[in-house]
């Protein structure tokens, strides 16, 4: 009996060892491979970022083809077979990297290749490989910070100068208008002193009853500026008409648009849409009407061929909700939304790279992409009959005259 029991136990042990070997082999076969080649790991991570986050759906083979074209361009060769899988591309990269002798040559290959691939994604040259310096420059641009210009020096006053000193300096240097506008306004001056942030709006009365606001770009401070500007215009005038100028607006921080559109169309309203890999994403407003804007009964929104990006989205929303009359010429047609993606597998500690990628395209009021199409005005100022058309909306000649002056 004991011998039989021993045989049974031995059989179970052997069987366990057998199945353990089989299971272990299968586990090792299916276990994700850790890429040991840092150059391949870098390029492969960029590949993954594009595949998962790029606005358009790409198959592995489609993306690999762009990589192969990039390799052919770098190596000045042709006829390279396009791999059908991600692993196949990694094998090709290992082979190409292996042909380079020095670490510098290998790094240059994958950095140059990654940038070429990103630049060749549609729309061309919108996506790029960014260095830490370029990423910082982008951050400054989005936040409307210009570290190369000192507005105090431009006006010729010291930091901490009194308002009287600023006024006096401007009389002597009227050409320093931008510096004066920033430093003469207490809130703008405060933002500039704290973080170097410059204002994004110009405003004034251009007729006794017509207020004018020119939004030059969008930044994180724009919504606060709008509140202050509308309050000042509301307090110091009897204006019942508004020209809201989006001409030459280069866009900027689109994340704040749900806050910025609420004052114009109300809270919890469907405002605009993004298109990402075959799906639409809706964005609703998260702020309510602004009393300083509600007072205006006659509103004109101006756009031109240099109105782009976030400004085009805003123009399309205001057009959809009939907030005034969209006037001017067709906008630029720059309808992409970009985002910075961190790369974890850096090649060295000397230079840090990130991926600047178009992750969505914006849609205009009719559901079509803004990219390449722009936003069409309701009244086109290139039409000879535009004045007559404007008078159909507003029988108010001062508005027509003001638009003519601004358009010049």
Protein backbone atom coordinates (compact mmCIF):
# COMPACT_ATOMS: atom_id res chain seq x y z
CA UNK A 1 0.00 0.00 0.00
CA UNK A 2 2.84 2.34 0.89
CA UNK A 3 4.57 1.60 -2.43
CA UNK A 4 1.39 2.42 -4.33
CA UNK A 5 1.04 5.71 -2.41
CA UNK A 6 4.64 6.61 -3.21
CA UNK A 7 4.02 5.95 -6.90
CA UNK A 8 0.93 8.17 -6.87
CA UNK A 9 2.79 11.01 -5.17
CA UNK A 10 5.72 10.64 -7.55
CA UNK A 11 3.32 10.70 -10.49
CA UNK A 12 1.71 13.91 -9.26
CA UNK A 13 5.09 15.54 -8.80
CA UNK A 14 6.22 14.57 -12.30
CA UNK A 15 2.92 15.72 -13.78
CA UNK A 16 3.21 18.98 -11.91
CA UNK A 17 6.72 19.50 -13.21
CA UNK A 18 5.55 18.68 -16.76
CA UNK A 19 2.60 21.08 -16.69
CA UNK A 20 4.74 23.67 -14.94
CA UNK A 21 7.27 23.53 -17.77
CA UNK A 22 4.53 23.77 -20.39
CA UNK A 23 2.74 26.65 -18.58
CA UNK A 24 6.00 28.48 -17.92
CA UNK A 25 6.97 28.19 -21.58
CA UNK A 26 3.63 29.62 -22.68
CA UNK A 27 3.88 32.42 -20.11
CA UNK A 28 7.32 33.38 -21.34
CA UNK A 29 6.08 33.32 -24.93
CA UNK A 30 3.15 35.64 -24.11
CA UNK A 31 4.93 37.89 -21.62
CA UNK A 32 5.45 41.41 -23.03
CA UNK A 33 9.06 41.88 -24.08
CA UNK A 34 11.01 44.64 -22.35
CA UNK A 35 12.93 46.62 -24.92
CA UNK A 36 16.58 46.76 -23.84
CA UNK A 37 17.78 48.95 -26.70
CA UNK A 38 17.21 52.50 -25.44
CA UNK A 39 17.15 53.93 -28.94
CA UNK A 40 14.52 51.47 -30.12
CA UNK A 41 12.58 52.01 -26.88
CA UNK A 42 12.50 55.77 -27.53
CA UNK A 43 11.32 55.41 -31.13
CA UNK A 44 8.80 52.73 -30.17
CA UNK A 45 7.28 54.90 -27.43
CA UNK A 46 6.83 57.74 -29.90
CA UNK A 47 5.15 55.20 -32.22
CA UNK A 48 2.76 54.23 -29.41
CA UNK A 49 1.94 57.82 -28.53
CA UNK A 50 1.01 58.52 -32.14
CA UNK A 51 -1.03 55.33 -32.48
CA UNK A 52 -3.05 55.96 -29.32
CA UNK A 53 -3.47 59.74 -29.43
CA UNK A 54 -3.28 61.05 -33.01
CA UNK A 55 -6.57 62.54 -34.20
CA UNK A 56 -6.93 60.09 -37.10
CA UNK A 57 -7.04 56.30 -36.90
CA UNK A 58 -3.95 54.68 -38.40
CA UNK A 59 -3.29 50.97 -38.82
CA UNK A 60 0.09 49.61 -37.78
CA UNK A 61 1.08 49.26 -41.40
CA UNK A 62 0.00 52.81 -42.29
CA UNK A 63 2.09 54.25 -39.46
CA UNK A 64 5.01 51.96 -40.28
CA UNK A 65 4.97 53.22 -43.85
CA UNK A 66 5.59 56.77 -42.61
CA UNK A 67 8.52 55.48 -40.55
CA UNK A 68 9.98 53.65 -43.54
CA UNK A 69 9.68 56.76 -45.71
CA UNK A 70 11.51 58.66 -42.99
CA UNK A 71 14.28 56.06 -42.85
CA UNK A 72 14.62 56.15 -46.61
CA UNK A 73 14.95 59.91 -46.52
CA UNK A 74 17.60 59.83 -43.79
CA UNK A 75 19.61 57.02 -45.39
CA UNK A 76 19.04 58.21 -48.98
CA UNK A 77 17.80 54.81 -50.04
CA UNK A 78 14.59 53.32 -51.38
CA UNK A 79 12.77 50.02 -51.64
CA UNK A 80 12.72 49.23 -47.92
CA UNK A 81 10.03 46.67 -47.12
CA UNK A 82 7.25 48.08 -44.93
CA UNK A 83 6.66 45.90 -41.82
CA UNK A 84 3.03 45.06 -41.11
CA UNK A 85 3.39 44.98 -37.32
CA UNK A 86 4.85 47.07 -34.51
CA UNK A 87 7.37 44.35 -33.66
CA UNK A 88 8.40 44.19 -37.29
CA UNK A 89 9.19 47.90 -37.28
CA UNK A 90 11.23 47.50 -34.09
CA UNK A 91 13.34 44.83 -35.79
CA UNK A 92 13.91 47.16 -38.72
CA UNK A 93 14.93 49.95 -36.34
CA UNK A 94 17.37 47.68 -34.51
CA UNK A 95 18.99 46.86 -37.82
CA UNK A 96 19.28 50.51 -38.87
CA UNK A 97 20.53 51.64 -35.47
CA UNK A 98 23.11 48.85 -35.53
CA UNK A 99 24.64 50.37 -38.65
CA UNK A 100 25.57 53.50 -36.66
CA UNK A 101 28.87 53.34 -34.82
CA UNK A 102 28.63 56.02 -32.14
CA UNK A 103 25.96 56.82 -29.54
CA UNK A 104 25.63 60.28 -31.05
CA UNK A 105 24.87 58.84 -34.49
CA UNK A 106 22.31 56.47 -33.02
CA UNK A 107 20.61 59.25 -31.06
CA UNK A 108 20.57 61.52 -34.08
CA UNK A 109 18.92 58.77 -36.12
CA UNK A 110 15.98 58.13 -33.79
CA UNK A 111 15.48 61.81 -32.93
CA UNK A 112 15.55 62.86 -36.58
CA UNK A 113 13.32 59.95 -37.60
CA UNK A 114 10.75 60.65 -34.87
CA UNK A 115 10.56 64.31 -35.85
CA UNK A 116 10.21 63.47 -39.56
CA UNK A 117 7.38 61.03 -38.83
CA UNK A 118 5.54 63.53 -36.65
CA UNK A 119 5.98 66.33 -39.18
CA UNK A 120 4.54 64.13 -41.93
CA UNK A 121 1.31 63.40 -40.11
CA UNK A 122 -1.60 65.39 -41.51
CA UNK A 123 -1.92 68.34 -41.31
CA UNK A 124 1.75 68.47 -42.23
CA UNK A 125 4.26 70.04 -39.83
CA UNK A 126 1.70 70.58 -37.03
CA UNK A 127 3.07 67.69 -34.94
CA UNK A 128 6.75 67.69 -33.95
CA UNK A 129 9.32 66.30 -31.54
CA UNK A 130 10.01 68.99 -28.96
CA UNK A 131 13.06 69.61 -26.86
CA UNK A 132 12.65 70.96 -23.32
CA UNK A 133 13.47 74.44 -24.62
CA UNK A 134 10.78 74.25 -27.31
CA UNK A 135 8.27 72.95 -24.77
CA UNK A 136 8.98 75.94 -22.52
CA UNK A 137 8.62 78.33 -25.46
CA UNK A 138 5.22 76.79 -26.21
CA UNK A 139 4.17 77.20 -22.57
CA UNK A 140 5.20 80.87 -22.65
CA UNK A 141 3.27 81.39 -25.87
CA UNK A 142 0.09 79.76 -24.53
CA UNK A 143 0.30 81.78 -21.31
CA UNK A 144 1.09 84.98 -23.24
CA UNK A 145 4.48 85.46 -21.61
CA UNK A 146 7.26 87.18 -23.55
CA UNK A 147 10.51 86.76 -21.58
CA UNK A 148 12.54 88.63 -24.23
CA UNK A 149 10.76 91.96 -23.62
CA UNK A 150 10.85 94.11 -20.48
CA UNK A 151 7.85 96.46 -20.58
CA UNK A 152 9.28 98.62 -17.78
CA UNK A 153 12.48 99.13 -19.72
CA UNK A 154 10.48 99.76 -22.88
CA UNK A 155 8.58 102.57 -21.15
CA UNK A 156 11.68 103.83 -19.36
CA UNK A 157 10.57 103.40 -15.74
CA UNK A 158 11.74 101.25 -12.84
CA UNK A 159 9.77 98.33 -11.44
CA UNK A 160 7.52 99.61 -8.70
CA UNK A 161 7.05 102.94 -10.47
CA UNK A 162 3.92 104.83 -9.44
CA UNK A 163 0.97 105.39 -11.77
CA UNK A 164 1.95 109.07 -11.99
CA UNK A 165 5.46 108.10 -13.11
CA UNK A 166 4.03 105.71 -15.70
CA UNK A 167 1.71 108.41 -17.05
CA UNK A 168 4.59 110.89 -17.25
CA UNK A 169 6.87 108.38 -19.00
CA UNK A 170 4.20 107.65 -21.62
CA UNK A 171 3.95 111.36 -22.46
CA UNK A 172 7.66 111.30 -23.26
CA UNK A 173 7.53 107.95 -25.10
CA UNK A 174 4.12 107.66 -26.81
CA UNK A 175 5.54 104.95 -29.09
CA UNK A 176 5.61 102.62 -26.04
CA UNK A 177 1.82 102.20 -26.21
CA UNK A 178 1.81 98.47 -25.50
CA UNK A 179 3.96 98.88 -22.39
CA UNK A 180 1.74 101.72 -21.19
CA UNK A 181 -1.46 99.69 -21.69
CA UNK A 182 -0.02 96.88 -19.59
CA UNK A 183 1.47 98.95 -16.78
CA UNK A 184 -1.25 101.60 -16.48
CA UNK A 185 -3.97 99.05 -15.68
CA UNK A 186 -3.63 97.81 -12.06
CA UNK A 187 -4.80 94.23 -12.77
CA UNK A 188 -2.71 93.87 -15.93
CA UNK A 189 0.29 95.29 -14.10
CA UNK A 190 -0.24 92.81 -11.27
CA UNK A 191 -0.30 89.83 -13.66
CA UNK A 192 2.78 91.14 -15.44
CA UNK A 193 4.69 91.69 -12.19
CA UNK A 194 3.81 88.24 -10.83
CA UNK A 195 4.33 86.05 -13.88
CA UNK A 196 5.16 88.21 -16.90
CA UNK A 197 1.65 87.62 -18.32
CA UNK A 198 0.49 90.25 -20.78
CA UNK A 199 -3.16 91.19 -21.47
CA UNK A 200 -5.00 89.66 -24.41
CA UNK A 201 -7.57 92.44 -24.99
CA UNK A 202 -7.71 95.98 -26.25
CA UNK A 203 -10.88 97.98 -25.66
CA UNK A 204 -12.32 101.46 -26.08
CA UNK A 205 -15.38 103.39 -27.18
CA UNK A 206 -15.20 104.05 -30.92
CA UNK A 207 -18.54 105.87 -30.97
CA UNK A 208 -20.61 107.19 -28.05
CA UNK A 209 -22.89 104.17 -28.37
CA UNK A 210 -20.45 101.60 -29.80
CA UNK A 211 -18.02 99.70 -27.57
CA UNK A 212 -15.05 97.92 -29.12
CA UNK A 213 -13.19 94.87 -27.77
CA UNK A 214 -10.30 93.36 -29.67
CA UNK A 215 -9.29 89.88 -28.46
CA UNK A 216 -5.79 89.21 -29.80
CA UNK A 217 -5.33 85.69 -28.40
CA UNK A 218 -6.58 83.28 -25.72
CA UNK A 219 -4.68 82.69 -22.50
CA UNK A 220 -5.59 81.43 -19.00
CA UNK A 221 -6.26 85.03 -17.91
CA UNK A 222 -8.61 85.92 -20.78
CA UNK A 223 -11.87 85.13 -18.97
CA UNK A 224 -10.87 87.42 -16.07
CA UNK A 225 -9.92 90.14 -18.54
CA UNK A 226 -13.30 89.90 -20.25
CA UNK A 227 -15.08 90.38 -16.94
CA UNK A 228 -12.97 93.44 -16.06
CA UNK A 229 -13.20 94.98 -19.52
CA UNK A 230 -16.98 94.54 -19.82
CA UNK A 231 -17.43 96.01 -16.34
CA UNK A 232 -15.33 99.06 -17.19
CA UNK A 233 -17.20 99.65 -20.45
CA UNK A 234 -20.52 99.12 -18.69
CA UNK A 235 -19.65 101.58 -15.95
CA UNK A 236 -18.29 104.40 -18.06
CA UNK A 237 -20.51 104.51 -21.15
CA UNK A 238 -24.02 104.46 -22.55
CA UNK A 239 -23.07 102.10 -25.35
CA UNK A 240 -25.75 99.70 -26.56
CA UNK A 241 -23.73 98.28 -29.48
CA UNK A 242 -20.58 96.15 -29.55
CA UNK A 243 -17.93 95.24 -32.11
CA UNK A 244 -16.10 92.14 -30.92
CA UNK A 245 -12.94 91.82 -32.97
CA UNK A 246 -11.31 88.41 -33.58
CA UNK A 247 -9.16 89.56 -36.49
CA UNK A 248 -5.52 88.40 -36.41
CA UNK A 249 -6.29 86.32 -33.32
CA UNK A 250 -3.72 83.51 -33.29
CA UNK A 251 -5.72 81.26 -30.97
CA UNK A 252 -4.17 79.89 -27.82
CA UNK A 253 -5.50 78.11 -24.75
CA UNK A 254 -8.60 76.28 -25.99
CA UNK A 255 -9.13 74.55 -22.63
CA UNK A 256 -10.61 77.79 -21.28
CA UNK A 257 -13.17 78.17 -24.07
CA UNK A 258 -16.07 76.54 -22.13
CA UNK A 259 -15.55 79.29 -19.53
CA UNK A 260 -15.12 82.06 -22.07
CA UNK A 261 -18.18 81.22 -24.19
CA UNK A 262 -20.62 81.10 -21.27
CA UNK A 263 -20.77 84.91 -20.93
CA UNK A 264 -21.95 85.06 -24.57
CA UNK A 265 -24.39 82.11 -24.82
CA UNK A 266 -25.20 81.12 -21.23
CA UNK A 267 -24.38 78.18 -18.97
CA UNK A 268 -24.66 74.45 -19.81
CA UNK A 269 -25.05 75.05 -23.54
CA UNK A 270 -23.59 72.72 -26.16
CA UNK A 271 -20.87 74.89 -27.62
CA UNK A 272 -18.45 73.04 -29.90
CA UNK A 273 -17.10 69.63 -30.86
CA UNK A 274 -13.76 67.88 -31.37
CA UNK A 275 -13.23 64.98 -33.75
CA UNK A 276 -10.86 62.25 -32.53
CA UNK A 277 -10.32 58.86 -34.17
CA UNK A 278 -13.82 58.62 -35.61
CA UNK A 279 -15.72 59.97 -32.62
CA UNK A 280 -17.15 63.37 -31.75
CA UNK A 281 -16.58 64.92 -28.34
CA UNK A 282 -19.02 67.57 -27.13
CA UNK A 283 -18.04 70.55 -24.99
CA UNK A 284 -20.59 72.55 -22.98
CA UNK A 285 -20.26 75.94 -21.37
CA UNK A 286 -19.59 76.07 -17.63
CA UNK A 287 -20.21 79.76 -16.91
CA UNK A 288 -23.28 81.97 -17.17
CA UNK A 289 -24.17 85.19 -18.99
CA UNK A 290 -22.04 88.22 -18.22
CA UNK A 291 -24.26 91.21 -17.34
CA UNK A 292 -21.79 93.62 -18.94
CA UNK A 293 -22.32 91.88 -22.29
CA UNK A 294 -26.06 91.28 -22.15
CA UNK A 295 -26.69 95.03 -22.43
CA UNK A 296 -25.51 95.16 -26.06
CA UNK A 297 -28.43 94.95 -28.48
CA UNK A 298 -26.47 95.28 -31.70
CA UNK A 299 -23.36 93.06 -31.95
CA UNK A 300 -20.89 92.50 -34.77
CA UNK A 301 -18.09 89.91 -34.63
CA UNK A 302 -15.17 90.60 -36.96
CA UNK A 303 -12.96 87.85 -38.46
CA UNK A 304 -10.34 87.84 -41.20
CA UNK A 305 -7.99 85.45 -42.97
CA UNK A 306 -5.64 85.53 -39.96
CA UNK A 307 -8.25 84.51 -37.39
CA UNK A 308 -7.21 80.98 -36.49
CA UNK A 309 -7.48 78.02 -34.15
CA UNK A 310 -9.45 78.84 -30.96
CA UNK A 311 -10.67 82.11 -32.50
CA UNK A 312 -12.25 80.14 -35.35
CA UNK A 313 -14.02 77.82 -32.90
CA UNK A 314 -15.39 80.82 -31.04
CA UNK A 315 -16.52 82.48 -34.27
CA UNK A 316 -18.35 79.30 -35.30
CA UNK A 317 -20.11 79.07 -31.92
CA UNK A 318 -21.21 82.72 -31.96
CA UNK A 319 -22.46 82.22 -35.51
CA UNK A 320 -24.42 79.09 -34.50
CA UNK A 321 -26.10 80.88 -31.60
CA UNK A 322 -26.70 84.09 -33.60
CA UNK A 323 -24.70 86.16 -31.13
CA UNK A 324 -24.36 89.17 -33.37
CA UNK A 325 -23.49 89.19 -37.06
CA UNK A 326 -20.29 87.39 -38.06
CA UNK A 327 -18.63 89.81 -40.45
CA UNK A 328 -15.40 89.93 -42.44
CA UNK A 329 -13.83 87.27 -44.64
CA UNK A 330 -13.32 83.52 -44.29
CA UNK A 331 -11.01 82.61 -41.42
CA UNK A 332 -7.67 80.84 -41.81
CA UNK A 333 -8.83 77.24 -41.54
CA UNK A 334 -6.40 76.16 -38.83
CA UNK A 335 -8.63 73.69 -37.04
CA UNK A 336 -6.36 71.45 -34.99
CA UNK A 337 -5.89 70.92 -31.27
CA UNK A 338 -2.41 69.95 -30.13
CA UNK A 339 -1.14 68.46 -26.90
CA UNK A 340 2.24 67.73 -25.30
CA UNK A 341 2.92 64.06 -24.45
CA UNK A 342 5.74 63.04 -22.15
CA UNK A 343 8.28 60.44 -23.34
CA UNK A 344 9.37 58.16 -20.49
CA UNK A 345 12.11 56.30 -22.37
CA UNK A 346 14.53 59.18 -22.79
CA UNK A 347 17.80 58.47 -24.59
CA UNK A 348 20.03 60.44 -22.23
CA UNK A 349 19.94 62.89 -19.35
CA UNK A 350 21.37 65.65 -21.53
CA UNK A 351 18.27 66.40 -23.57
CA UNK A 352 14.64 65.67 -22.71
CA UNK A 353 12.18 65.26 -25.57
CA UNK A 354 8.38 65.27 -25.74
CA UNK A 355 5.80 64.73 -28.47
CA UNK A 356 3.77 67.71 -29.68
CA UNK A 357 0.85 65.99 -31.39
CA UNK A 358 -2.41 66.94 -33.08
CA UNK A 359 -4.87 64.91 -31.03
CA UNK A 360 -8.16 66.37 -32.34
CA UNK A 361 -9.62 68.49 -35.11
CA UNK A 362 -12.27 71.11 -34.39
CA UNK A 363 -15.69 71.20 -36.05
CA UNK A 364 -17.54 74.33 -37.11
CA UNK A 365 -21.24 75.12 -36.73
CA UNK A 366 -22.30 72.87 -39.62
CA UNK A 367 -20.40 69.84 -38.30
CA UNK A 368 -17.59 70.02 -40.87
CA UNK A 369 -13.91 70.28 -39.87
CA UNK A 370 -12.57 73.82 -39.63
CA UNK A 371 -9.21 72.57 -40.89
CA UNK A 372 -8.70 73.68 -44.50
CA UNK A 373 -12.18 75.21 -44.69
CA UNK A 374 -12.24 78.05 -42.18
CA UNK A 375 -15.39 79.70 -40.90
CA UNK A 376 -17.51 81.67 -43.35
CA UNK A 377 -18.87 85.08 -42.27
CA UNK A 378 -22.55 85.88 -42.52
CA UNK A 379 -21.61 89.20 -44.17
CA UNK A 380 -18.52 89.10 -46.36
CA UNK A 381 -16.81 92.49 -46.53
CA UNK A 382 -15.44 91.65 -49.97
CA UNK A 383 -18.98 91.78 -51.32
CA UNK A 384 -19.88 95.15 -52.77
CA UNK A 385 -23.33 94.99 -51.23
CA UNK A 386 -22.15 94.35 -47.66
CA UNK A 387 -23.27 97.75 -46.37
CA UNK A 388 -26.79 97.20 -47.64
CA UNK A 389 -26.83 93.71 -46.11
CA UNK A 390 -25.65 95.05 -42.76
CA UNK A 391 -28.40 97.65 -42.76
CA UNK A 392 -30.94 94.82 -43.07
CA UNK A 393 -29.82 93.63 -39.65
CA UNK A 394 -29.15 97.03 -38.08
CA UNK A 395 -30.60 100.23 -39.43
CA UNK A 396 -27.79 102.03 -37.72
CA UNK A 397 -25.34 103.90 -40.02
CA UNK A 398 -22.75 104.57 -37.25
CA UNK A 399 -22.14 100.79 -37.03
CA UNK A 400 -21.45 100.60 -40.77
CA UNK A 401 -19.10 103.56 -40.59
CA UNK A 402 -17.25 102.08 -37.61
CA UNK A 403 -16.76 98.77 -39.44
CA UNK A 404 -15.43 100.58 -42.51
CA UNK A 405 -12.88 102.44 -40.40
CA UNK A 406 -11.74 99.30 -38.58
CA UNK A 407 -11.48 97.28 -41.79
CA UNK A 408 -9.14 99.81 -43.33
